[in-house]
Amino acid sequence: MLKEIKLVQATADLLYSEQQVEAAIETMAKQINIVLADRNPLLLCVMNGGIAIGGKLLTKLTMSLTLDAINASRYQNLTSGGNIQWLLKPSTPIKNRTVLIVDDILDEGFTLQAIYEFCREQGASFIYSAVLVDKILDHEKPITADFVGLKVENRYLFGYGMDYKGYLRNAPGIFACKKNGDDA
């Protein structure tokens, strides 16, 4: 497996450098600070991909907030999504709260939509979403993100929380796999 990971990493295309990603996160934080200034939001970090962007955003948000995590996964370390599996639900009560869902990527939109619906069912007053990357597709998604760092072409990505078969989440930039049978 490590041989495959090294090959993918060595042949990938750099779409956004670490500096470009950090600038996008800074811009997102400024937008979130304006919109949610007096909302006392519950920041829901979507595991595992949202760890990188959640941590980066957290230190740049200036409003009072609480933090929790949620894990609804379609990929389970694969390169294509399946049914949503609920691995972790937040322990913080959502009822009457403003919720900010933070994730690494808005791909097809099914996971974000499911988390949004979960928050609505739990009685959230307002629900916002922030994603580092919004993938450009040739069809409409069931949901859009309120705050978007970067837009990318429809390729399989890794870095800044996004993974390739469970690896490369820690890559310092956003990379796209070369076109091959493993691309999503």
C-alpha atoms as a PDB file:
ATOM      1  CA  MET A   1       0.000   0.000   0.000  1.00  0.00           C
ATOM      2  CA  LEU A   2       2.790   2.456   0.860  1.00  0.00           C
ATOM      3  CA  LYS A   3       4.301   1.936  -2.583  1.00  0.00           C
ATOM      4  CA  GLU A   4       0.983   2.942  -4.171  1.00  0.00           C
ATOM      5  CA  ILE A   5       0.693   5.985  -1.874  1.00  0.00           C
ATOM      6  CA  LYS A   6       4.217   7.140  -2.759  1.00  0.00           C
ATOM      7  CA  LEU A   7       3.465   6.755  -6.472  1.00  0.00           C
ATOM      8  CA  VAL A   8       0.215   8.720  -6.203  1.00  0.00           C
ATOM      9  CA  GLN A   9       1.968  11.466  -4.241  1.00  0.00           C
ATOM     10  CA  ALA A  10       4.917  11.627  -6.631  1.00  0.00           C
ATOM     11  CA  THR A  11       2.757  11.884  -9.766  1.00  0.00           C
ATOM     12  CA  ALA A  12      -0.029  14.164  -8.500  1.00  0.00           C
ATOM     13  CA  ASP A  13      -0.677  17.651  -9.814  1.00  0.00           C
ATOM     14  CA  LEU A  14      -0.448  20.528  -7.342  1.00  0.00           C
ATOM     15  CA  LEU A  15      -3.653  22.562  -7.733  1.00  0.00           C
ATOM     16  CA  TYR A  16      -3.201  24.930  -4.771  1.00  0.00           C
ATOM     17  CA  SER A  17      -0.026  25.551  -2.785  1.00  0.00           C
ATOM     18  CA  GLU A  18       0.040  25.699   0.995  1.00  0.00           C
ATOM     19  CA  GLN A  19       0.185  29.508   0.803  1.00  0.00           C
ATOM     20  CA  GLN A  20      -2.857  29.660  -1.487  1.00  0.00           C
ATOM     21  CA  VAL A  21      -4.829  27.347   0.800  1.00  0.00           C
ATOM     22  CA  GLU A  22      -3.890  29.358   3.894  1.00  0.00           C
ATOM     23  CA  ALA A  23      -5.002  32.582   2.161  1.00  0.00           C
ATOM     24  CA  ALA A  24      -8.345  30.966   1.272  1.00  0.00           C
ATOM     25  CA  ILE A  25      -8.827  29.849   4.894  1.00  0.00           C
ATOM     26  CA  GLU A  26      -8.087  33.391   6.086  1.00  0.00           C
ATOM     27  CA  THR A  27     -10.709  34.785   3.690  1.00  0.00           C
ATOM     28  CA  MET A  28     -13.273  32.210   4.837  1.00  0.00           C
ATOM     29  CA  ALA A  29     -12.629  33.066   8.482  1.00  0.00           C
ATOM     30  CA  LYS A  30     -13.184  36.775   7.812  1.00  0.00           C
ATOM     31  CA  GLN A  31     -16.509  36.011   6.109  1.00  0.00           C
ATOM     32  CA  ILE A  32     -17.618  33.693   8.919  1.00  0.00           C
ATOM     33  CA  ASN A  33     -16.625  36.269  11.557  1.00  0.00           C
ATOM     34  CA  ILE A  34     -18.901  38.839   9.906  1.00  0.00           C
ATOM     35  CA  VAL A  35     -21.925  36.578   9.376  1.00  0.00           C
ATOM     36  CA  LEU A  36     -21.794  34.707  12.706  1.00  0.00           C
ATOM     37  CA  ALA A  37     -20.432  37.511  14.917  1.00  0.00           C
ATOM     38  CA  ASP A  38     -23.288  37.465  17.453  1.00  0.00           C
ATOM     39  CA  ARG A  39     -24.620  33.928  16.904  1.00  0.00           C
ATOM     40  CA  ASN A  40     -22.697  31.856  19.499  1.00  0.00           C
ATOM     41  CA  PRO A  41     -22.329  29.001  16.985  1.00  0.00           C
ATOM     42  CA  LEU A  42     -21.692  25.341  17.565  1.00  0.00           C
ATOM     43  CA  LEU A  43     -18.868  24.464  15.192  1.00  0.00           C
ATOM     44  CA  LEU A  44     -19.375  20.872  14.025  1.00  0.00           C
ATOM     45  CA  CYS A  45     -16.151  19.507  12.586  1.00  0.00           C
ATOM     46  CA  VAL A  46     -16.845  16.694  10.121  1.00  0.00           C
ATOM     47  CA  MET A  47     -14.405  13.892  10.828  1.00  0.00           C
ATOM     48  CA  ASN A  48     -11.947  12.903   9.495  1.00  0.00           C
ATOM     49  CA  GLY A  49     -11.460  15.251   6.571  1.00  0.00           C
ATOM     50  CA  GLY A  50     -12.655  18.354   8.387  1.00  0.00           C
ATOM     51  CA  ILE A  51      -9.924  18.130  11.029  1.00  0.00           C
ATOM     52  CA  ALA A  52      -7.411  20.188   9.039  1.00  0.00           C
ATOM     53  CA  ILE A  53      -9.770  22.974   7.992  1.00  0.00           C
ATOM     54  CA  GLY A  54     -11.605  22.906  11.335  1.00  0.00           C
ATOM     55  CA  GLY A  55      -8.392  23.400  13.272  1.00  0.00           C
ATOM     56  CA  LYS A  56      -7.166  26.134  10.970  1.00  0.00           C
ATOM     57  CA  LEU A  57     -10.481  28.008  11.084  1.00  0.00           C
ATOM     58  CA  LEU A  58     -10.920  27.619  14.824  1.00  0.00           C
ATOM     59  CA  THR A  59      -7.972  29.833  15.688  1.00  0.00           C
ATOM     60  CA  LYS A  60      -9.146  32.551  13.291  1.00  0.00           C
ATOM     61  CA  LEU A  61     -12.767  32.787  14.461  1.00  0.00           C
ATOM     62  CA  THR A  62     -13.330  35.652  16.869  1.00  0.00           C
ATOM     63  CA  MET A  63     -16.863  35.006  18.142  1.00  0.00           C
ATOM     64  CA  SER A  64     -17.784  32.926  21.181  1.00  0.00           C
ATOM     65  CA  LEU A  65     -18.383  29.375  20.035  1.00  0.00           C
ATOM     66  CA  THR A  66     -18.410  25.770  21.124  1.00  0.00           C
ATOM     67  CA  LEU A  67     -16.823  22.862  19.299  1.00  0.00           C
ATOM     68  CA  ASP A  68     -17.967  19.329  18.639  1.00  0.00           C
ATOM     69  CA  ALA A  69     -17.497  16.672  15.981  1.00  0.00           C
ATOM     70  CA  ILE A  70     -19.636  14.551  13.720  1.00  0.00           C
ATOM     71  CA  ASN A  71     -18.635  11.665  11.488  1.00  0.00           C
ATOM     72  CA  ALA A  72     -20.864  10.671   8.629  1.00  0.00           C
ATOM     73  CA  SER A  73     -18.755   8.926   6.023  1.00  0.00           C
ATOM     74  CA  ARG A  74     -19.443   7.742   2.483  1.00  0.00           C
ATOM     75  CA  TYR A  75     -15.886   6.766   1.576  1.00  0.00           C
ATOM     76  CA  GLN A  76     -14.437   4.626   4.415  1.00  0.00           C
ATOM     77  CA  ASN A  77     -10.909   5.067   2.970  1.00  0.00           C
ATOM     78  CA  LEU A  78     -12.023   4.143  -0.559  1.00  0.00           C
ATOM     79  CA  THR A  79     -11.842   6.335  -3.652  1.00  0.00           C
ATOM     80  CA  SER A  80     -15.580   6.251  -4.364  1.00  0.00           C
ATOM     81  CA  GLY A  81     -18.515   6.922  -2.070  1.00  0.00           C
ATOM     82  CA  GLY A  82     -21.227   4.532  -0.975  1.00  0.00           C
ATOM     83  CA  ASN A  83     -23.969   4.700   1.631  1.00  0.00           C
ATOM     84  CA  ILE A  84     -23.562   7.085   4.530  1.00  0.00           C
ATOM     85  CA  GLN A  85     -22.354   5.492   7.759  1.00  0.00           C
ATOM     86  CA  TRP A  86     -22.918   7.429  10.995  1.00  0.00           C
ATOM     87  CA  LEU A  87     -19.793   6.837  13.049  1.00  0.00           C
ATOM     88  CA  LEU A  88     -20.099   9.717  15.537  1.00  0.00           C
ATOM     89  CA  LYS A  89     -22.868  12.101  16.472  1.00  0.00           C
ATOM     90  CA  PRO A  90     -22.233  15.275  18.483  1.00  0.00           C
ATOM     91  CA  SER A  91     -22.663  15.190  22.251  1.00  0.00           C
ATOM     92  CA  THR A  92     -23.454  18.924  22.424  1.00  0.00           C
ATOM     93  CA  PRO A  93     -27.192  19.685  22.220  1.00  0.00           C
ATOM     94  CA  ILE A  94     -28.077  21.251  18.874  1.00  0.00           C
ATOM     95  CA  LYS A  95     -31.607  22.420  19.702  1.00  0.00           C
ATOM     96  CA  ASN A  96     -31.981  26.203  19.328  1.00  0.00           C
ATOM     97  CA  ARG A  97     -28.323  26.606  18.316  1.00  0.00           C
ATOM     98  CA  THR A  98     -26.709  28.147  15.285  1.00  0.00           C
ATOM     99  CA  VAL A  99     -24.603  25.379  13.768  1.00  0.00           C
ATOM    100  CA  LEU A 100     -21.574  25.803  11.517  1.00  0.00           C
ATOM    101  CA  ILE A 101     -20.712  22.534   9.767  1.00  0.00           C
ATOM    102  CA  VAL A 102     -17.035  22.505   8.712  1.00  0.00           C
ATOM    103  CA  ASP A 103     -15.724  19.972   6.200  1.00  0.00           C
ATOM    104  CA  ASP A 104     -12.848  19.526   3.792  1.00  0.00           C
ATOM    105  CA  ILE A 105     -14.752  19.139   0.513  1.00  0.00           C
ATOM    106  CA  LEU A 106     -18.174  19.482  -1.021  1.00  0.00           C
ATOM    107  CA  ASP A 107     -18.079  16.768  -3.658  1.00  0.00           C
ATOM    108  CA  GLU A 108     -21.443  15.243  -4.599  1.00  0.00           C
ATOM    109  CA  GLY A 109     -23.069  16.882  -1.556  1.00  0.00           C
ATOM    110  CA  PHE A 110     -24.730  13.800  -0.059  1.00  0.00           C
ATOM    111  CA  THR A 111     -22.754  13.786   3.199  1.00  0.00           C
ATOM    112  CA  LEU A 112     -23.203  17.513   3.817  1.00  0.00           C
ATOM    113  CA  GLN A 113     -26.911  17.220   3.026  1.00  0.00           C
ATOM    114  CA  ALA A 114     -27.287  14.332   5.499  1.00  0.00           C
ATOM    115  CA  ILE A 115     -25.496  16.285   8.251  1.00  0.00           C
ATOM    116  CA  TYR A 116     -27.586  19.365   7.493  1.00  0.00           C
ATOM    117  CA  GLU A 117     -30.779  17.295   7.788  1.00  0.00           C
ATOM    118  CA  PHE A 118     -29.545  15.755  11.037  1.00  0.00           C
ATOM    119  CA  CYS A 119     -28.987  19.232  12.502  1.00  0.00           C
ATOM    120  CA  ARG A 120     -32.416  20.379  11.316  1.00  0.00           C
ATOM    121  CA  GLU A 121     -34.055  17.315  12.881  1.00  0.00           C
ATOM    122  CA  GLN A 122     -32.217  18.040  16.139  1.00  0.00           C
ATOM    123  CA  GLY A 123     -33.798  21.508  16.240  1.00  0.00           C
ATOM    124  CA  ALA A 124     -30.967  23.805  15.123  1.00  0.00           C
ATOM    125  CA  SER A 125     -32.122  27.417  14.747  1.00  0.00           C
ATOM    126  CA  PHE A 126     -29.770  28.197  11.881  1.00  0.00           C
ATOM    127  CA  ILE A 127     -27.410  25.969   9.913  1.00  0.00           C
ATOM    128  CA  TYR A 128     -24.395  27.167   7.963  1.00  0.00           C
ATOM    129  CA  SER A 129     -21.685  25.197   6.232  1.00  0.00           C
ATOM    130  CA  ALA A 130     -18.055  25.926   5.416  1.00  0.00           C
ATOM    131  CA  VAL A 131     -15.940  23.802   3.100  1.00  0.00           C
ATOM    132  CA  LEU A 132     -12.356  24.272   2.077  1.00  0.00           C
ATOM    133  CA  VAL A 133     -13.007  22.930  -1.425  1.00  0.00           C
ATOM    134  CA  ASP A 134     -16.100  22.931  -3.623  1.00  0.00           C
ATOM    135  CA  LYS A 135     -15.698  20.510  -6.511  1.00  0.00           C
ATOM    136  CA  ILE A 136     -17.084  21.762  -9.839  1.00  0.00           C
ATOM    137  CA  LEU A 137     -19.381  19.101 -11.292  1.00  0.00           C
ATOM    138  CA  ASP A 138     -21.421  18.961 -14.487  1.00  0.00           C
ATOM    139  CA  HIS A 139     -24.679  18.628 -12.538  1.00  0.00           C
ATOM    140  CA  GLU A 140     -26.435  20.355  -9.657  1.00  0.00           C
ATOM    141  CA  LYS A 141     -25.711  19.255  -6.103  1.00  0.00           C
ATOM    142  CA  PRO A 142     -28.439  18.707  -3.490  1.00  0.00           C
ATOM    143  CA  ILE A 143     -26.853  21.394  -1.253  1.00  0.00           C
ATOM    144  CA  THR A 144     -24.471  24.321  -1.491  1.00  0.00           C
ATOM    145  CA  ALA A 145     -21.995  25.566   1.091  1.00  0.00           C
ATOM    146  CA  ASP A 146     -22.348  29.008   2.651  1.00  0.00           C
ATOM    147  CA  PHE A 147     -18.593  29.572   2.901  1.00  0.00           C
ATOM    148  CA  VAL A 148     -16.183  28.162   0.296  1.00  0.00           C
ATOM    149  CA  GLY A 149     -12.416  28.465   0.286  1.00  0.00           C
ATOM    150  CA  LEU A 150     -11.529  27.190  -3.184  1.00  0.00           C
ATOM    151  CA  LYS A 151     -13.212  25.696  -6.237  1.00  0.00           C
ATOM    152  CA  VAL A 152     -11.599  22.798  -8.065  1.00  0.00           C
ATOM    153  CA  GLU A 153     -12.126  20.733 -11.154  1.00  0.00           C
ATOM    154  CA  ASN A 154     -13.671  17.268 -10.896  1.00  0.00           C
ATOM    155  CA  ARG A 155     -10.625  15.163 -10.053  1.00  0.00           C
ATOM    156  CA  TYR A 156      -9.709  12.977  -7.110  1.00  0.00           C
ATOM    157  CA  LEU A 157      -8.020  15.221  -4.536  1.00  0.00           C
ATOM    158  CA  PHE A 158      -5.846  14.853  -1.458  1.00  0.00           C
ATOM    159  CA  GLY A 159      -4.224  17.159   1.073  1.00  0.00           C
ATOM    160  CA  TYR A 160      -5.493  19.516   3.799  1.00  0.00           C
ATOM    161  CA  GLY A 161      -7.759  16.815   5.202  1.00  0.00           C
ATOM    162  CA  MET A 162      -8.736  15.127   1.936  1.00  0.00           C
ATOM    163  CA  ASP A 163      -7.332  11.633   1.602  1.00  0.00           C
ATOM    164  CA  TYR A 164      -6.325   8.995  -0.867  1.00  0.00           C
ATOM    165  CA  LYS A 165      -7.349   5.618   0.605  1.00  0.00           C
ATOM    166  CA  GLY A 166      -6.887   6.975   4.129  1.00  0.00           C
ATOM    167  CA  TYR A 167      -3.463   8.511   3.426  1.00  0.00           C
ATOM    168  CA  LEU A 168      -2.101  11.908   2.383  1.00  0.00           C
ATOM    169  CA  ARG A 169      -4.530  14.029   4.454  1.00  0.00           C
ATOM    170  CA  ASN A 170      -1.442  15.817   5.738  1.00  0.00           C
ATOM    171  CA  ALA A 171      -0.110  16.852   2.320  1.00  0.00           C
ATOM    172  CA  PRO A 172       0.845  20.565   2.360  1.00  0.00           C
ATOM    173  CA  GLY A 173      -1.380  21.778  -0.456  1.00  0.00           C
ATOM    174  CA  ILE A 174      -4.258  20.485  -2.537  1.00  0.00           C
ATOM    175  CA  PHE A 175      -3.246  17.876  -5.058  1.00  0.00           C
ATOM    176  CA  ALA A 176      -5.110  16.007  -7.804  1.00  0.00           C
ATOM    177  CA  CYS A 177      -4.347  12.428  -8.724  1.00  0.00           C
ATOM    178  CA  LYS A 178      -3.274  11.755 -12.273  1.00  0.00           C
ATOM    179  CA  LYS A 179      -6.056  10.460 -14.493  1.00  0.00           C
ATOM    180  CA  ASN A 180      -6.324   6.689 -14.084  1.00  0.00           C
ATOM    181  CA  GLY A 181      -8.725   3.993 -12.964  1.00  0.00           C
ATOM    182  CA  ASP A 182      -8.576   5.132  -9.318  1.00  0.00           C
ATOM    183  CA  ASP A 183      -9.775   8.676 -10.023  1.00  0.00           C
ATOM    184  CA  ALA A 184     -13.214   9.605  -8.781  1.00  0.00           C
END
